[in-house]
C-alpha atoms as a PDB file:
ATOM      1  CA  MET A   1     -11.780  26.620  15.642  1.00  0.00           C
ATOM      2  CA  ASP A   2     -11.276  24.197  18.511  1.00  0.00           C
ATOM      3  CA  GLY A   3      -7.483  23.930  18.172  1.00  0.00           C
ATOM      4  CA  ALA A   4      -7.522  20.237  17.229  1.00  0.00           C
ATOM      5  CA  ARG A   5      -4.735  19.132  14.970  1.00  0.00           C
ATOM      6  CA  SER A   6      -4.978  16.646  12.146  1.00  0.00           C
ATOM      7  CA  PRO A   7      -3.262  13.315  12.592  1.00  0.00           C
ATOM      8  CA  SER A   8       0.353  13.261  11.481  1.00  0.00           C
ATOM      9  CA  LEU A   9       2.124  10.484   9.677  1.00  0.00           C
ATOM     10  CA  GLU A  10       5.602   9.016   9.720  1.00  0.00           C
ATOM     11  CA  ILE A  11       6.531   6.668   6.903  1.00  0.00           C
ATOM     12  CA  ASP A  12       9.617   4.502   7.247  1.00  0.00           C
ATOM     13  CA  ILE A  13      10.863   3.173   3.920  1.00  0.00           C
ATOM     14  CA  LEU A  14      13.485   0.469   3.513  1.00  0.00           C
ATOM     15  CA  VAL A  15      14.761  -0.245   0.014  1.00  0.00           C
ATOM     16  CA  GLU A  16      16.449  -3.632   0.212  1.00  0.00           C
ATOM     17  CA  ALA A  17      16.560  -4.697  -3.440  1.00  0.00           C
ATOM     18  CA  ASP A  18      18.564  -3.195  -6.277  1.00  0.00           C
ATOM     19  CA  GLY A  19      15.712  -3.508  -8.794  1.00  0.00           C
ATOM     20  CA  TRP A  20      13.958  -0.512  -7.283  1.00  0.00           C
ATOM     21  CA  ALA A  21      16.581   1.728  -8.909  1.00  0.00           C
ATOM     22  CA  ALA A  22      14.413   1.329 -12.040  1.00  0.00           C
ATOM     23  CA  LEU A  23      11.785   3.428 -10.237  1.00  0.00           C
ATOM     24  CA  PRO A  24      13.882   6.283  -8.836  1.00  0.00           C
ATOM     25  CA  ASP A  25      10.886   8.128  -7.404  1.00  0.00           C
ATOM     26  CA  ALA A  26       9.584   5.059  -5.519  1.00  0.00           C
ATOM     27  CA  GLU A  27       9.984   6.657  -2.096  1.00  0.00           C
ATOM     28  CA  ALA A  28       8.087   9.798  -3.124  1.00  0.00           C
ATOM     29  CA  LEU A  29       5.350   7.623  -4.643  1.00  0.00           C
ATOM     30  CA  VAL A  30       5.091   5.660  -1.381  1.00  0.00           C
ATOM     31  CA  ARG A  31       4.708   8.828   0.681  1.00  0.00           C
ATOM     32  CA  ARG A  32       2.059  10.257  -1.645  1.00  0.00           C
ATOM     33  CA  ALA A  33       0.085   6.999  -1.911  1.00  0.00           C
ATOM     34  CA  VAL A  34       0.079   6.212   1.824  1.00  0.00           C
ATOM     35  CA  ALA A  35      -0.974   9.761   2.720  1.00  0.00           C
ATOM     36  CA  ALA A  36      -3.778   9.744   0.120  1.00  0.00           C
ATOM     37  CA  ALA A  37      -5.034   6.308   1.196  1.00  0.00           C
ATOM     38  CA  LEU A  38      -5.135   7.279   4.855  1.00  0.00           C
ATOM     39  CA  ALA A  39      -6.776  10.640   4.131  1.00  0.00           C
ATOM     40  CA  GLU A  40      -9.577   9.015   2.128  1.00  0.00           C
ATOM     41  CA  GLY A  41      -9.832   5.513   3.555  1.00  0.00           C
ATOM     42  CA  ALA A  42      -9.281   5.856   7.296  1.00  0.00           C
ATOM     43  CA  GLU A  43     -10.748   7.714  10.209  1.00  0.00           C
ATOM     44  CA  LEU A  44      -7.684   8.454  12.303  1.00  0.00           C
ATOM     45  CA  GLU A  45      -7.660  10.215  15.645  1.00  0.00           C
ATOM     46  CA  GLU A  46      -6.620  13.835  15.639  1.00  0.00           C
ATOM     47  CA  ASP A  47      -3.531  14.958  17.552  1.00  0.00           C
ATOM     48  CA  VAL A  48      -1.940  11.526  17.086  1.00  0.00           C
ATOM     49  CA  THR A  49       1.112  10.531  15.075  1.00  0.00           C
ATOM     50  CA  PHE A  50       0.776   7.318  13.103  1.00  0.00           C
ATOM     51  CA  GLU A  51       3.533   5.248  11.516  1.00  0.00           C
ATOM     52  CA  VAL A  52       3.613   2.983   8.471  1.00  0.00           C
ATOM     53  CA  SER A  53       6.644   0.917   7.488  1.00  0.00           C
ATOM     54  CA  VAL A  54       7.207   0.053   3.838  1.00  0.00           C
ATOM     55  CA  THR A  55       9.822  -2.396   2.589  1.00  0.00           C
ATOM     56  CA  LEU A  56      10.704  -2.445  -1.105  1.00  0.00           C
ATOM     57  CA  THR A  57      12.139  -5.885  -1.695  1.00  0.00           C
ATOM     58  CA  ASP A  58      12.520  -8.574  -4.344  1.00  0.00           C
ATOM     59  CA  ASP A  59      10.666 -11.746  -5.285  1.00  0.00           C
ATOM     60  CA  ALA A  60      12.982 -14.050  -3.350  1.00  0.00           C
ATOM     61  CA  ARG A  61      12.391 -12.247  -0.049  1.00  0.00           C
ATOM     62  CA  ILE A  62       8.655 -11.783  -0.471  1.00  0.00           C
ATOM     63  CA  ARG A  63       8.349 -15.454  -1.419  1.00  0.00           C
ATOM     64  CA  ARG A  64       9.925 -16.436   1.920  1.00  0.00           C
ATOM     65  CA  ILE A  65       7.641 -14.068   3.822  1.00  0.00           C
ATOM     66  CA  ASN A  66       4.592 -15.316   1.918  1.00  0.00           C
ATOM     67  CA  LYS A  67       5.539 -18.924   2.726  1.00  0.00           C
ATOM     68  CA  ASP A  68       6.227 -18.218   6.405  1.00  0.00           C
ATOM     69  CA  TRP A  69       3.124 -16.112   7.086  1.00  0.00           C
ATOM     70  CA  ARG A  70       0.550 -17.293   4.547  1.00  0.00           C
ATOM     71  CA  ASP A  71       1.783 -20.810   3.722  1.00  0.00           C
ATOM     72  CA  LYS A  72       1.988 -19.836   0.036  1.00  0.00           C
ATOM     73  CA  ASP A  73       5.336 -20.782  -1.476  1.00  0.00           C
ATOM     74  CA  LYS A  74       5.388 -18.212  -4.260  1.00  0.00           C
ATOM     75  CA  PRO A  75       6.177 -14.544  -4.715  1.00  0.00           C
ATOM     76  CA  THR A  76       3.376 -11.992  -4.666  1.00  0.00           C
ATOM     77  CA  ASN A  77       3.176  -8.304  -5.463  1.00  0.00           C
ATOM     78  CA  VAL A  78       2.312  -6.858  -2.042  1.00  0.00           C
ATOM     79  CA  LEU A  79       1.824  -8.061   1.514  1.00  0.00           C
ATOM     80  CA  SER A  80       0.341  -6.052   4.350  1.00  0.00           C
ATOM     81  CA  PHE A  81       0.630  -6.778   8.040  1.00  0.00           C
ATOM     82  CA  PRO A  82      -1.580  -4.593  10.241  1.00  0.00           C
ATOM     83  CA  ALA A  83       0.009  -3.761  13.581  1.00  0.00           C
ATOM     84  CA  ALA A  84      -1.204  -5.429  16.734  1.00  0.00           C
ATOM     85  CA  GLU A  85      -3.037  -3.214  19.183  1.00  0.00           C
ATOM     86  CA  VAL A  86      -0.622  -1.107  21.151  1.00  0.00           C
ATOM     87  CA  PRO A  87      -0.965   0.206  24.686  1.00  0.00           C
ATOM     88  CA  ASP A  88      -2.206   3.751  25.209  1.00  0.00           C
ATOM     89  CA  GLY A  89       0.511   6.351  25.073  1.00  0.00           C
ATOM     90  CA  VAL A  90       2.718   4.583  22.522  1.00  0.00           C
ATOM     91  CA  THR A  91       3.791   7.064  19.897  1.00  0.00           C
ATOM     92  CA  PRO A  92       3.955   7.037  17.008  1.00  0.00           C
ATOM     93  CA  VAL A  93       1.056   4.582  16.772  1.00  0.00           C
ATOM     94  CA  PRO A  94       2.075   1.844  14.325  1.00  0.00           C
ATOM     95  CA  LEU A  95      -0.483   1.009  11.641  1.00  0.00           C
ATOM     96  CA  GLY A  96       1.588  -1.827  10.202  1.00  0.00           C
ATOM     97  CA  ASP A  97       3.947  -2.942   7.477  1.00  0.00           C
ATOM     98  CA  ILE A  98       3.682  -3.084   3.697  1.00  0.00           C
ATOM     99  CA  ILE A  99       6.119  -5.175   1.666  1.00  0.00           C
ATOM    100  CA  VAL A 100       6.352  -4.901  -2.131  1.00  0.00           C
ATOM    101  CA  ALA A 101       8.333  -7.104  -4.534  1.00  0.00           C
ATOM    102  CA  PHE A 102       9.928  -5.380  -7.503  1.00  0.00           C
ATOM    103  CA  GLU A 103      10.042  -8.196 -10.069  1.00  0.00           C
ATOM    104  CA  THR A 104       6.399  -9.164  -9.637  1.00  0.00           C
ATOM    105  CA  VAL A 105       5.199  -5.556  -9.725  1.00  0.00           C
ATOM    106  CA  ALA A 106       7.278  -4.779 -12.831  1.00  0.00           C
ATOM    107  CA  ALA A 107       6.102  -7.946 -14.627  1.00  0.00           C
ATOM    108  CA  GLU A 108       2.450  -7.212 -13.820  1.00  0.00           C
ATOM    109  CA  ALA A 109       2.759  -3.628 -15.049  1.00  0.00           C
ATOM    110  CA  LEU A 110       4.275  -4.855 -18.292  1.00  0.00           C
ATOM    111  CA  ASP A 111       1.718  -7.650 -18.755  1.00  0.00           C
ATOM    112  CA  GLU A 112      -1.181  -5.287 -18.039  1.00  0.00           C
ATOM    113  CA  ASP A 113       0.277  -2.434 -20.132  1.00  0.00           C
ATOM    114  CA  LYS A 114       0.323  -0.096 -17.126  1.00  0.00           C
ATOM    115  CA  ALA A 115       2.919   2.465 -16.161  1.00  0.00           C
ATOM    116  CA  LEU A 116       5.152   0.973 -13.473  1.00  0.00           C
ATOM    117  CA  ALA A 117       4.707   4.031 -11.244  1.00  0.00           C
ATOM    118  CA  ASP A 118       0.901   3.819 -11.513  1.00  0.00           C
ATOM    119  CA  HIS A 119       0.764   0.089 -10.757  1.00  0.00           C
ATOM    120  CA  PHE A 120       3.166   0.514  -7.845  1.00  0.00           C
ATOM    121  CA  THR A 121       1.101   3.403  -6.464  1.00  0.00           C
ATOM    122  CA  HIS A 122      -2.046   1.276  -6.703  1.00  0.00           C
ATOM    123  CA  LEU A 123      -0.392  -1.521  -4.716  1.00  0.00           C
ATOM    124  CA  ILE A 124       0.752   0.902  -2.010  1.00  0.00           C
ATOM    125  CA  VAL A 125      -2.797   2.274  -1.750  1.00  0.00           C
ATOM    126  CA  HIS A 126      -4.133  -1.302  -1.645  1.00  0.00           C
ATOM    127  CA  GLY A 127      -1.664  -2.308   1.072  1.00  0.00           C
ATOM    128  CA  THR A 128      -2.390   0.801   3.120  1.00  0.00           C
ATOM    129  CA  LEU A 129      -6.122   0.141   3.021  1.00  0.00           C
ATOM    130  CA  HIS A 130      -5.478  -3.362   4.376  1.00  0.00           C
ATOM    131  CA  LEU A 131      -3.674  -1.768   7.332  1.00  0.00           C
ATOM    132  CA  VAL A 132      -6.811   0.164   8.284  1.00  0.00           C
ATOM    133  CA  GLY A 133      -9.245  -2.722   7.995  1.00  0.00           C
ATOM    134  CA  PHE A 134     -10.227  -3.051   4.358  1.00  0.00           C
ATOM    135  CA  GLY A 135     -10.324  -6.540   2.911  1.00  0.00           C
ATOM    136  CA  HIS A 136     -11.509  -8.581  -0.030  1.00  0.00           C
ATOM    137  CA  GLU A 137     -12.552 -11.872   1.515  1.00  0.00           C
ATOM    138  CA  ASP A 138     -16.010 -11.689  -0.013  1.00  0.00           C
ATOM    139  CA  GLU A 139     -17.554  -9.904  -2.983  1.00  0.00           C
ATOM    140  CA  GLU A 140     -19.089  -7.069  -0.958  1.00  0.00           C
ATOM    141  CA  GLU A 141     -15.801  -6.303   0.850  1.00  0.00           C
ATOM    142  CA  ALA A 142     -13.874  -6.488  -2.417  1.00  0.00           C
ATOM    143  CA  GLU A 143     -16.281  -4.096  -4.115  1.00  0.00           C
ATOM    144  CA  GLU A 144     -16.002  -1.570  -1.283  1.00  0.00           C
ATOM    145  CA  MET A 145     -12.204  -1.793  -1.288  1.00  0.00           C
ATOM    146  CA  GLU A 146     -11.952  -1.484  -5.075  1.00  0.00           C
ATOM    147  CA  ASP A 147     -14.315   1.528  -5.110  1.00  0.00           C
ATOM    148  CA  THR A 148     -12.205   3.190  -2.422  1.00  0.00           C
ATOM    149  CA  GLU A 149      -9.025   2.442  -4.379  1.00  0.00           C
ATOM    150  CA  ARG A 150     -10.534   3.890  -7.568  1.00  0.00           C
ATOM    151  CA  HIS A 151     -11.497   7.073  -5.732  1.00  0.00           C
ATOM    152  CA  ILE A 152      -8.067   7.506  -4.134  1.00  0.00           C
ATOM    153  CA  LEU A 153      -6.219   6.757  -7.365  1.00  0.00           C
ATOM    154  CA  ALA A 154      -8.409   9.161  -9.359  1.00  0.00           C
ATOM    155  CA  GLY A 155      -7.390  11.855  -6.879  1.00  0.00           C
ATOM    156  CA  LEU A 156      -3.769  10.988  -7.676  1.00  0.00           C
ATOM    157  CA  GLY A 157      -4.409  11.199 -11.437  1.00  0.00           C
ATOM    158  CA  ILE A 158      -4.280   7.429 -11.979  1.00  0.00           C
ATOM    159  CA  SER A 159      -6.913   5.667 -14.047  1.00  0.00           C
ATOM    160  CA  ASP A 160      -9.068   2.775 -12.821  1.00  0.00           C
ATOM    161  CA  PRO A 161      -6.726  -0.190 -12.303  1.00  0.00           C
ATOM    162  CA  TYR A 162      -9.652  -2.602 -12.578  1.00  0.00           C
ATOM    163  CA  ALA A 163     -10.928  -1.359 -15.925  1.00  0.00           C
ATOM    164  CA  LEU A 164     -10.678  -3.862 -18.723  1.00  0.00           C
ATOM    165  CA  PRO A 165      -8.225  -2.813 -21.431  1.00  0.00           C
ATOM    166  CA  ALA A 166      -9.783  -1.364 -24.559  1.00  0.00           C
ATOM    167  CA  GLU A 167      -9.747  -3.739 -27.501  1.00  0.00           C
ATOM    168  CA  THR A 168      -7.693  -2.603 -30.435  1.00  0.00           C
END
């Protein structure tokens, strides 16, 4: 053994909307999802501490952020903002920010007949993958990202979020 240590991870979570009380284990789900996404979807340096910030907010706040940063005047489920490059020696090394809106996530879970915790976990995995360079600007990128998400979520015991619902 060469004595190298695995990367470590700090996750800062801010709950700024009351709606998240409906998902009392949201913070534990965030920690589990971010760790799984980084373990499977990123090649991080050893012996380095990385940091991810997650804000659990509401539709009104995410709408403002979406308008300011993406020029889209509507709420969305999740936004990810990868960190800018930081100078050597900065620790922990920031990977970026993930922001999730409760009302949109809850409505989507209901509309898609998914467990709220599973849908939320998927969005945290999705947001985390954006922080480490995954995207879905074209079909090939989207396919790679979705395959990675499926793999990570299966490891967390969550079924394929892209599967079409069975007809009844």
